[in-house]
Structure formats: structure tokens, C-alpha cells
Amino acid sequence: CLALRLALIQLGKKAIVACVDPVP
């Protein structure tokens, strides 16, 4: 998710990552 988010931002798109649980 985080890699794809960075890639989408690089492409000029908007992106957020969502998860119900906290990051370990």
C-alpha cells in the first residue's frame, strides 16, 4: 500500500492508505 501510494503521488495523483488497525 505504502509503495503504491508513493508511486501514485509521483504520478500526480491523490492517494491515502487506510487500515482499521494500527501499524505494528
mmCIF file of all heavy atoms, coordinates in Angstrom:
data_MODEL
# 
_entry.id   MODEL 
# 
loop_
_atom_site.group_PDB 
_atom_site.id 
_atom_site.type_symbol 
_atom_site.label_atom_id 
_atom_site.label_alt_id 
_atom_site.label_comp_id 
_atom_site.label_asym_id 
_atom_site.label_entity_id 
_atom_site.label_seq_id 
_atom_site.pdbx_PDB_ins_code 
_atom_site.Cartn_x 
_atom_site.Cartn_y 
_atom_site.Cartn_z 
_atom_site.occupancy 
_atom_site.B_iso_or_equiv 
_atom_site.pdbx_formal_charge 
_atom_site.auth_seq_id 
_atom_site.auth_comp_id 
_atom_site.auth_asym_id 
_atom_site.auth_atom_id 
_atom_site.pdbx_PDB_model_num 
ATOM 1   N N   . CYS A 1 1  ? 0.826   -1.217 0.000   1.00 0.00 ? 1  CYS A N   1 
ATOM 2   C CA  . CYS A 1 1  ? 0.000   0.000  0.000   1.00 0.00 ? 1  CYS A CA  1 
ATOM 3   C C   . CYS A 1 1  ? 0.854   1.258  0.000   1.00 0.00 ? 1  CYS A C   1 
ATOM 4   O O   . CYS A 1 1  ? 0.611   2.200  -0.775  1.00 0.00 ? 1  CYS A O   1 
ATOM 5   C CB  . CYS A 1 1  ? -0.916  0.009  1.225   1.00 0.00 ? 1  CYS A CB  1 
ATOM 6   S SG  . CYS A 1 1  ? -2.370  -1.050 1.125   1.00 0.00 ? 1  CYS A SG  1 
ATOM 7   N N   . LEU A 1 2  ? 1.854   1.284  0.874   1.00 0.00 ? 2  LEU A N   1 
ATOM 8   C CA  . LEU A 1 2  ? 2.679   2.488  1.001   1.00 0.00 ? 2  LEU A CA  1 
ATOM 9   C C   . LEU A 1 2  ? 3.518   2.722  -0.251  1.00 0.00 ? 2  LEU A C   1 
ATOM 10  O O   . LEU A 1 2  ? 3.719   3.874  -0.670  1.00 0.00 ? 2  LEU A O   1 
ATOM 11  C CB  . LEU A 1 2  ? 3.559   2.380  2.240   1.00 0.00 ? 2  LEU A CB  1 
ATOM 12  C CG  . LEU A 1 2  ? 2.795   2.448  3.574   1.00 0.00 ? 2  LEU A CG  1 
ATOM 13  C CD1 . LEU A 1 2  ? 3.709   2.075  4.731   1.00 0.00 ? 2  LEU A CD1 1 
ATOM 14  C CD2 . LEU A 1 2  ? 2.188   3.834  3.788   1.00 0.00 ? 2  LEU A CD2 1 
ATOM 15  N N   . ALA A 1 3  ? 4.010   1.654  -0.870  1.00 0.00 ? 3  ALA A N   1 
ATOM 16  C CA  . ALA A 1 3  ? 4.764   1.804  -2.110  1.00 0.00 ? 3  ALA A CA  1 
ATOM 17  C C   . ALA A 1 3  ? 3.877   2.347  -3.225  1.00 0.00 ? 3  ALA A C   1 
ATOM 18  O O   . ALA A 1 3  ? 4.272   3.256  -3.977  1.00 0.00 ? 3  ALA A O   1 
ATOM 19  C CB  . ALA A 1 3  ? 5.370   0.464  -2.527  1.00 0.00 ? 3  ALA A CB  1 
ATOM 20  N N   . LEU A 1 4  ? 2.664   1.806  -3.343  1.00 0.00 ? 4  LEU A N   1 
ATOM 21  C CA  . LEU A 1 4  ? 1.751   2.278  -4.383  1.00 0.00 ? 4  LEU A CA  1 
ATOM 22  C C   . LEU A 1 4  ? 1.326   3.720  -4.118  1.00 0.00 ? 4  LEU A C   1 
ATOM 23  O O   . LEU A 1 4  ? 1.184   4.511  -5.062  1.00 0.00 ? 4  LEU A O   1 
ATOM 24  C CB  . LEU A 1 4  ? 0.535   1.353  -4.471  1.00 0.00 ? 4  LEU A CB  1 
ATOM 25  C CG  . LEU A 1 4  ? -0.468  1.669  -5.585  1.00 0.00 ? 4  LEU A CG  1 
ATOM 26  C CD1 . LEU A 1 4  ? 0.208   1.741  -6.946  1.00 0.00 ? 4  LEU A CD1 1 
ATOM 27  C CD2 . LEU A 1 4  ? -1.594  0.625  -5.599  1.00 0.00 ? 4  LEU A CD2 1 
ATOM 28  N N   . ARG A 1 5  ? 1.138   4.070  -2.854  1.00 0.00 ? 5  ARG A N   1 
ATOM 29  C CA  . ARG A 1 5  ? 0.796   5.465  -2.522  1.00 0.00 ? 5  ARG A CA  1 
ATOM 30  C C   . ARG A 1 5  ? 1.886   6.417  -3.010  1.00 0.00 ? 5  ARG A C   1 
ATOM 31  O O   . ARG A 1 5  ? 1.594   7.434  -3.657  1.00 0.00 ? 5  ARG A O   1 
ATOM 32  C CB  . ARG A 1 5  ? 0.619   5.623  -1.013  1.00 0.00 ? 5  ARG A CB  1 
ATOM 33  C CG  . ARG A 1 5  ? 0.522   7.073  -0.540  1.00 0.00 ? 5  ARG A CG  1 
ATOM 34  C CD  . ARG A 1 5  ? 0.475   7.184  0.967   1.00 0.00 ? 5  ARG A CD  1 
ATOM 35  N NE  . ARG A 1 5  ? 0.619   8.569  1.388   1.00 0.00 ? 5  ARG A NE  1 
ATOM 36  C CZ  . ARG A 1 5  ? 1.777   9.156  1.645   1.00 0.00 ? 5  ARG A CZ  1 
ATOM 37  N NH1 . ARG A 1 5  ? 2.918   8.470  1.519   1.00 0.00 ? 5  ARG A NH1 1 
ATOM 38  N NH2 . ARG A 1 5  ? 1.824   10.426 2.026   1.00 0.00 ? 5  ARG A NH2 1 
ATOM 39  N N   . LEU A 1 6  ? 3.136   6.103  -2.720  1.00 0.00 ? 6  LEU A N   1 
ATOM 40  C CA  . LEU A 1 6  ? 4.242   6.962  -3.157  1.00 0.00 ? 6  LEU A CA  1 
ATOM 41  C C   . LEU A 1 6  ? 4.301   7.048  -4.683  1.00 0.00 ? 6  LEU A C   1 
ATOM 42  O O   . LEU A 1 6  ? 4.586   8.112  -5.250  1.00 0.00 ? 6  LEU A O   1 
ATOM 43  C CB  . LEU A 1 6  ? 5.559   6.430  -2.599  1.00 0.00 ? 6  LEU A CB  1 
ATOM 44  C CG  . LEU A 1 6  ? 5.754   6.566  -1.084  1.00 0.00 ? 6  LEU A CG  1 
ATOM 45  C CD1 . LEU A 1 6  ? 6.998   5.801  -0.634  1.00 0.00 ? 6  LEU A CD1 1 
ATOM 46  C CD2 . LEU A 1 6  ? 5.861   8.039  -0.685  1.00 0.00 ? 6  LEU A CD2 1 
ATOM 47  N N   . ALA A 1 7  ? 4.022   5.934  -5.343  1.00 0.00 ? 7  ALA A N   1 
ATOM 48  C CA  . ALA A 1 7  ? 4.039   5.921  -6.808  1.00 0.00 ? 7  ALA A CA  1 
ATOM 49  C C   . ALA A 1 7  ? 2.926   6.783  -7.387  1.00 0.00 ? 7  ALA A C   1 
ATOM 50  O O   . ALA A 1 7  ? 3.142   7.540  -8.358  1.00 0.00 ? 7  ALA A O   1 
ATOM 51  C CB  . ALA A 1 7  ? 3.903   4.487  -7.307  1.00 0.00 ? 7  ALA A CB  1 
ATOM 52  N N   . LEU A 1 8  ? 1.733   6.703  -6.806  1.00 0.00 ? 8  LEU A N   1 
ATOM 53  C CA  . LEU A 1 8  ? 0.608   7.490  -7.312  1.00 0.00 ? 8  LEU A CA  1 
ATOM 54  C C   . LEU A 1 8  ? 0.860   8.979  -7.122  1.00 0.00 ? 8  LEU A C   1 
ATOM 55  O O   . LEU A 1 8  ? 0.540   9.797  -7.998  1.00 0.00 ? 8  LEU A O   1 
ATOM 56  C CB  . LEU A 1 8  ? -0.681  7.061  -6.600  1.00 0.00 ? 8  LEU A CB  1 
ATOM 57  C CG  . LEU A 1 8  ? -1.172  5.651  -6.940  1.00 0.00 ? 8  LEU A CG  1 
ATOM 58  C CD1 . LEU A 1 8  ? -2.346  5.261  -6.057  1.00 0.00 ? 8  LEU A CD1 1 
ATOM 59  C CD2 . LEU A 1 8  ? -1.566  5.548  -8.406  1.00 0.00 ? 8  LEU A CD2 1 
ATOM 60  N N   . ILE A 1 9  ? 1.445   9.348  -5.999  1.00 0.00 ? 9  ILE A N   1 
ATOM 61  C CA  . ILE A 1 9  ? 1.800   10.754 -5.766  1.00 0.00 ? 9  ILE A CA  1 
ATOM 62  C C   . ILE A 1 9  ? 2.835   11.207 -6.799  1.00 0.00 ? 9  ILE A C   1 
ATOM 63  O O   . ILE A 1 9  ? 2.757   12.312 -7.333  1.00 0.00 ? 9  ILE A O   1 
ATOM 64  C CB  . ILE A 1 9  ? 2.321   10.939 -4.331  1.00 0.00 ? 9  ILE A CB  1 
ATOM 65  C CG1 . ILE A 1 9  ? 1.178   10.720 -3.327  1.00 0.00 ? 9  ILE A CG1 1 
ATOM 66  C CG2 . ILE A 1 9  ? 2.946   12.322 -4.147  1.00 0.00 ? 9  ILE A CG2 1 
ATOM 67  C CD1 . ILE A 1 9  ? 1.610   10.682 -1.881  1.00 0.00 ? 9  ILE A CD1 1 
ATOM 68  N N   . GLN A 1 10 ? 3.795   10.327 -7.082  1.00 0.00 ? 10 GLN A N   1 
ATOM 69  C CA  . GLN A 1 10 ? 4.799   10.639 -8.103  1.00 0.00 ? 10 GLN A CA  1 
ATOM 70  C C   . GLN A 1 10 ? 4.147   10.891 -9.456  1.00 0.00 ? 10 GLN A C   1 
ATOM 71  O O   . GLN A 1 10 ? 4.623   11.711 -10.250 1.00 0.00 ? 10 GLN A O   1 
ATOM 72  C CB  . GLN A 1 10 ? 5.793   9.469  -8.196  1.00 0.00 ? 10 GLN A CB  1 
ATOM 73  C CG  . GLN A 1 10 ? 6.997   9.728  -9.064  1.00 0.00 ? 10 GLN A CG  1 
ATOM 74  C CD  . GLN A 1 10 ? 7.918   8.518  -9.156  1.00 0.00 ? 10 GLN A CD  1 
ATOM 75  O OE1 . GLN A 1 10 ? 8.281   8.089  -10.251 1.00 0.00 ? 10 GLN A OE1 1 
ATOM 76  N NE2 . GLN A 1 10 ? 8.305   7.957  -8.023  1.00 0.00 ? 10 GLN A NE2 1 
ATOM 77  N N   . LEU A 1 11 ? 3.038   10.198 -9.729  1.00 0.00 ? 11 LEU A N   1 
ATOM 78  C CA  . LEU A 1 11 ? 2.324   10.351 -10.995 1.00 0.00 ? 11 LEU A CA  1 
ATOM 79  C C   . LEU A 1 11 ? 1.361   11.533 -10.983 1.00 0.00 ? 11 LEU A C   1 
ATOM 80  O O   . LEU A 1 11 ? 0.625   11.748 -11.963 1.00 0.00 ? 11 LEU A O   1 
ATOM 81  C CB  . LEU A 1 11 ? 1.557   9.066  -11.316 1.00 0.00 ? 11 LEU A CB  1 
ATOM 82  C CG  . LEU A 1 11 ? 2.409   7.832  -11.627 1.00 0.00 ? 11 LEU A CG  1 
ATOM 83  C CD1 . LEU A 1 11 ? 1.541   6.576  -11.699 1.00 0.00 ? 11 LEU A CD1 1 
ATOM 84  C CD2 . LEU A 1 11 ? 3.184   8.016  -12.925 1.00 0.00 ? 11 LEU A CD2 1 
ATOM 85  N N   . GLY A 1 12 ? 1.328   12.282 -9.875  1.00 0.00 ? 12 GLY A N   1 
ATOM 86  C CA  . GLY A 1 12 ? 0.473   13.448 -9.795  1.00 0.00 ? 12 GLY A CA  1 
ATOM 87  C C   . GLY A 1 12 ? -0.940  13.145 -9.360  1.00 0.00 ? 12 GLY A C   1 
ATOM 88  O O   . GLY A 1 12 ? -1.840  13.992 -9.514  1.00 0.00 ? 12 GLY A O   1 
ATOM 89  N N   . LYS A 1 13 ? -1.153  11.972 -8.796  1.00 0.00 ? 13 LYS A N   1 
ATOM 90  C CA  . LYS A 1 13 ? -2.485  11.583 -8.338  1.00 0.00 ? 13 LYS A CA  1 
ATOM 91  C C   . LYS A 1 13 ? -2.577  11.712 -6.818  1.00 0.00 ? 13 LYS A C   1 
ATOM 92  O O   . LYS A 1 13 ? -1.562  11.849 -6.121  1.00 0.00 ? 13 LYS A O   1 
ATOM 93  C CB  . LYS A 1 13 ? -2.786  10.143 -8.768  1.00 0.00 ? 13 LYS A CB  1 
ATOM 94  C CG  . LYS A 1 13 ? -2.781  9.955  -10.291 1.00 0.00 ? 13 LYS A CG  1 
ATOM 95  C CD  . LYS A 1 13 ? -2.975  8.507  -10.672 1.00 0.00 ? 13 LYS A CD  1 
ATOM 96  C CE  . LYS A 1 13 ? -2.858  8.289  -12.177 1.00 0.00 ? 13 LYS A CE  1 
ATOM 97  N NZ  . LYS A 1 13 ? -4.025  8.817  -12.921 1.00 0.00 ? 13 LYS A NZ  1 
ATOM 98  N N   . LYS A 1 14 ? -3.805  11.660 -6.290  1.00 0.00 ? 14 LYS A N   1 
ATOM 99  C CA  . LYS A 1 14 ? -4.030  11.696 -4.849  1.00 0.00 ? 14 LYS A CA  1 
ATOM 100 C C   . LYS A 1 14 ? -4.219  10.270 -4.338  1.00 0.00 ? 14 LYS A C   1 
ATOM 101 O O   . LYS A 1 14 ? -4.870  9.449  -5.007  1.00 0.00 ? 14 LYS A O   1 
ATOM 102 C CB  . LYS A 1 14 ? -5.270  12.536 -4.525  1.00 0.00 ? 14 LYS A CB  1 
ATOM 103 C CG  . LYS A 1 14 ? -5.126  14.014 -4.848  1.00 0.00 ? 14 LYS A CG  1 
ATOM 104 C CD  . LYS A 1 14 ? -6.461  14.742 -4.693  1.00 0.00 ? 14 LYS A CD  1 
ATOM 105 C CE  . LYS A 1 14 ? -6.998  14.662 -3.273  1.00 0.00 ? 14 LYS A CE  1 
ATOM 106 N NZ  . LYS A 1 14 ? -8.276  15.397 -3.130  1.00 0.00 ? 14 LYS A NZ  1 
ATOM 107 N N   . ALA A 1 15 ? -3.663  9.984  -3.160  1.00 0.00 ? 15 ALA A N   1 
ATOM 108 C CA  . ALA A 1 15 ? -3.808  8.632  -2.617  1.00 0.00 ? 15 ALA A CA  1 
ATOM 109 C C   . ALA A 1 15 ? -3.633  8.649  -1.106  1.00 0.00 ? 15 ALA A C   1 
ATOM 110 O O   . ALA A 1 15 ? -2.765  9.347  -0.580  1.00 0.00 ? 15 ALA A O   1 
ATOM 111 C CB  . ALA A 1 15 ? -2.781  7.692  -3.252  1.00 0.00 ? 15 ALA A CB  1 
ATOM 112 N N   . ILE A 1 16 ? -4.483  7.877  -0.430  1.00 0.00 ? 16 ILE A N   1 
ATOM 113 C CA  . ILE A 1 16 ? -4.339  7.642  1.003   1.00 0.00 ? 16 ILE A CA  1 
ATOM 114 C C   . ILE A 1 16 ? -4.336  6.134  1.232   1.00 0.00 ? 16 ILE A C   1 
ATOM 115 O O   . ILE A 1 16 ? -4.846  5.357  0.417   1.00 0.00 ? 16 ILE A O   1 
ATOM 116 C CB  . ILE A 1 16 ? -5.473  8.280  1.828   1.00 0.00 ? 16 ILE A CB  1 
ATOM 117 C CG1 . ILE A 1 16 ? -6.844  7.724  1.393   1.00 0.00 ? 16 ILE A CG1 1 
ATOM 118 C CG2 . ILE A 1 16 ? -5.430  9.794  1.724   1.00 0.00 ? 16 ILE A CG2 1 
ATOM 119 C CD1 . ILE A 1 16 ? -7.981  8.147  2.308   1.00 0.00 ? 16 ILE A CD1 1 
ATOM 120 N N   . VAL A 1 17 ? -3.733  5.723  2.342   1.00 0.00 ? 17 VAL A N   1 
ATOM 121 C CA  . VAL A 1 17 ? -3.751  4.317  2.757   1.00 0.00 ? 17 VAL A CA  1 
ATOM 122 C C   . VAL A 1 17 ? -4.638  4.213  3.985   1.00 0.00 ? 17 VAL A C   1 
ATOM 123 O O   . VAL A 1 17 ? -4.508  5.009  4.924   1.00 0.00 ? 17 VAL A O   1 
ATOM 124 C CB  . VAL A 1 17 ? -2.339  3.800  3.074   1.00 0.00 ? 17 VAL A CB  1 
ATOM 125 C CG1 . VAL A 1 17 ? -2.397  2.371  3.613   1.00 0.00 ? 17 VAL A CG1 1 
ATOM 126 C CG2 . VAL A 1 17 ? -1.457  3.867  1.836   1.00 0.00 ? 17 VAL A CG2 1 
ATOM 127 N N   . ALA A 1 18 ? -5.540  3.232  3.989   1.00 0.00 ? 18 ALA A N   1 
ATOM 128 C CA  . ALA A 1 18 ? -6.461  3.056  5.112   1.00 0.00 ? 18 ALA A CA  1 
ATOM 129 C C   . ALA A 1 18 ? -6.345  1.646  5.674   1.00 0.00 ? 18 ALA A C   1 
ATOM 130 O O   . ALA A 1 18 ? -6.227  0.673  4.929   1.00 0.00 ? 18 ALA A O   1 
ATOM 131 C CB  . ALA A 1 18 ? -7.894  3.333  4.664   1.00 0.00 ? 18 ALA A CB  1 
ATOM 132 N N   . CYS A 1 19 ? -6.401  1.547  6.993   1.00 0.00 ? 19 CYS A N   1 
ATOM 133 C CA  . CYS A 1 19 ? -6.370  0.251  7.681   1.00 0.00 ? 19 CYS A CA  1 
ATOM 134 C C   . CYS A 1 19 ? -7.074  0.421  9.021   1.00 0.00 ? 19 CYS A C   1 
ATOM 135 O O   . CYS A 1 19 ? -6.839  1.412  9.724   1.00 0.00 ? 19 CYS A O   1 
ATOM 136 C CB  . CYS A 1 19 ? -4.931  -0.210 7.892   1.00 0.00 ? 19 CYS A CB  1 
ATOM 137 S SG  . CYS A 1 19 ? -4.786  -1.835 8.694   1.00 0.00 ? 19 CYS A SG  1 
ATOM 138 N N   . VAL A 1 20 ? -7.922  -0.519 9.396   1.00 0.00 ? 20 VAL A N   1 
ATOM 139 C CA  . VAL A 1 20 ? -8.658  -0.378 10.654  1.00 0.00 ? 20 VAL A CA  1 
ATOM 140 C C   . VAL A 1 20 ? -7.745  -0.488 11.872  1.00 0.00 ? 20 VAL A C   1 
ATOM 141 O O   . VAL A 1 20 ? -8.022  0.098  12.918  1.00 0.00 ? 20 VAL A O   1 
ATOM 142 C CB  . VAL A 1 20 ? -9.791  -1.424 10.775  1.00 0.00 ? 20 VAL A CB  1 
ATOM 143 C CG1 . VAL A 1 20 ? -10.881 -1.158 9.771   1.00 0.00 ? 20 VAL A CG1 1 
ATOM 144 C CG2 . VAL A 1 20 ? -9.261  -2.844 10.651  1.00 0.00 ? 20 VAL A CG2 1 
ATOM 145 N N   . ASP A 1 21 ? -6.653  -1.216 11.750  1.00 0.00 ? 21 ASP A N   1 
ATOM 146 C CA  . ASP A 1 21 ? -5.774  -1.451 12.894  1.00 0.00 ? 21 ASP A CA  1 
ATOM 147 C C   . ASP A 1 21 ? -4.527  -0.578 12.807  1.00 0.00 ? 21 ASP A C   1 
ATOM 148 O O   . ASP A 1 21 ? -4.092  -0.177 11.723  1.00 0.00 ? 21 ASP A O   1 
ATOM 149 C CB  . ASP A 1 21 ? -5.364  -2.929 12.958  1.00 0.00 ? 21 ASP A CB  1 
ATOM 150 C CG  . ASP A 1 21 ? -6.520  -3.829 13.360  1.00 0.00 ? 21 ASP A CG  1 
ATOM 151 O OD1 . ASP A 1 21 ? -7.372  -3.374 14.143  1.00 0.00 ? 21 ASP A OD1 1 
ATOM 152 O OD2 . ASP A 1 21 ? -6.571  -4.977 12.891  1.00 0.00 ? 21 ASP A OD2 1 
ATOM 153 N N   . PRO A 1 22 ? -3.903  -0.313 13.964  1.00 0.00 ? 22 PRO A N   1 
ATOM 154 C CA  . PRO A 1 22 ? -2.678  0.486  13.953  1.00 0.00 ? 22 PRO A CA  1 
ATOM 155 C C   . PRO A 1 22 ? -1.525  -0.247 13.285  1.00 0.00 ? 22 PRO A C   1 
ATOM 156 O O   . PRO A 1 22 ? -1.535  -1.483 13.169  1.00 0.00 ? 22 PRO A O   1 
ATOM 157 C CB  . PRO A 1 22 ? -2.378  0.711  15.445  1.00 0.00 ? 22 PRO A CB  1 
ATOM 158 C CG  . PRO A 1 22 ? -3.459  0.081  16.219  1.00 0.00 ? 22 PRO A CG  1 
ATOM 159 C CD  . PRO A 1 22 ? -4.327  -0.703 15.301  1.00 0.00 ? 22 PRO A CD  1 
ATOM 160 N N   . VAL A 1 23 ? -0.535  0.519  12.857  1.00 0.00 ? 23 VAL A N   1 
ATOM 161 C CA  . VAL A 1 23 ? 0.672   -0.076 12.283  1.00 0.00 ? 23 VAL A CA  1 
ATOM 162 C C   . VAL A 1 23 ? 1.458   -0.762 13.403  1.00 0.00 ? 23 VAL A C   1 
ATOM 163 O O   . VAL A 1 23 ? 1.729   -0.145 14.427  1.00 0.00 ? 23 VAL A O   1 
ATOM 164 C CB  . VAL A 1 23 ? 1.545   1.013  11.621  1.00 0.00 ? 23 VAL A CB  1 
ATOM 165 C CG1 . VAL A 1 23 ? 2.830   0.405  11.075  1.00 0.00 ? 23 VAL A CG1 1 
ATOM 166 C CG2 . VAL A 1 23 ? 0.764   1.724  10.525  1.00 0.00 ? 23 VAL A CG2 1 
ATOM 167 N N   . PRO A 1 24 ? 1.818   -2.038 13.227  1.00 0.00 ? 24 PRO A N   1 
ATOM 168 C CA  . PRO A 1 24 ? 2.624   -2.712 14.254  1.00 0.00 ? 24 PRO A CA  1 
ATOM 169 C C   . PRO A 1 24 ? 3.943   -1.981 14.473  1.00 0.00 ? 24 PRO A C   1 
ATOM 170 O O   . PRO A 1 24 ? 4.508   -1.413 13.525  1.00 0.00 ? 24 PRO A O   1 
ATOM 171 C CB  . PRO A 1 24 ? 2.851   -4.111 13.659  1.00 0.00 ? 24 PRO A CB  1 
ATOM 172 C CG  . PRO A 1 24 ? 1.789   -4.287 12.636  1.00 0.00 ? 24 PRO A CG  1 
ATOM 173 C CD  . PRO A 1 24 ? 1.499   -2.926 12.089  1.00 0.00 ? 24 PRO A CD  1 
# 
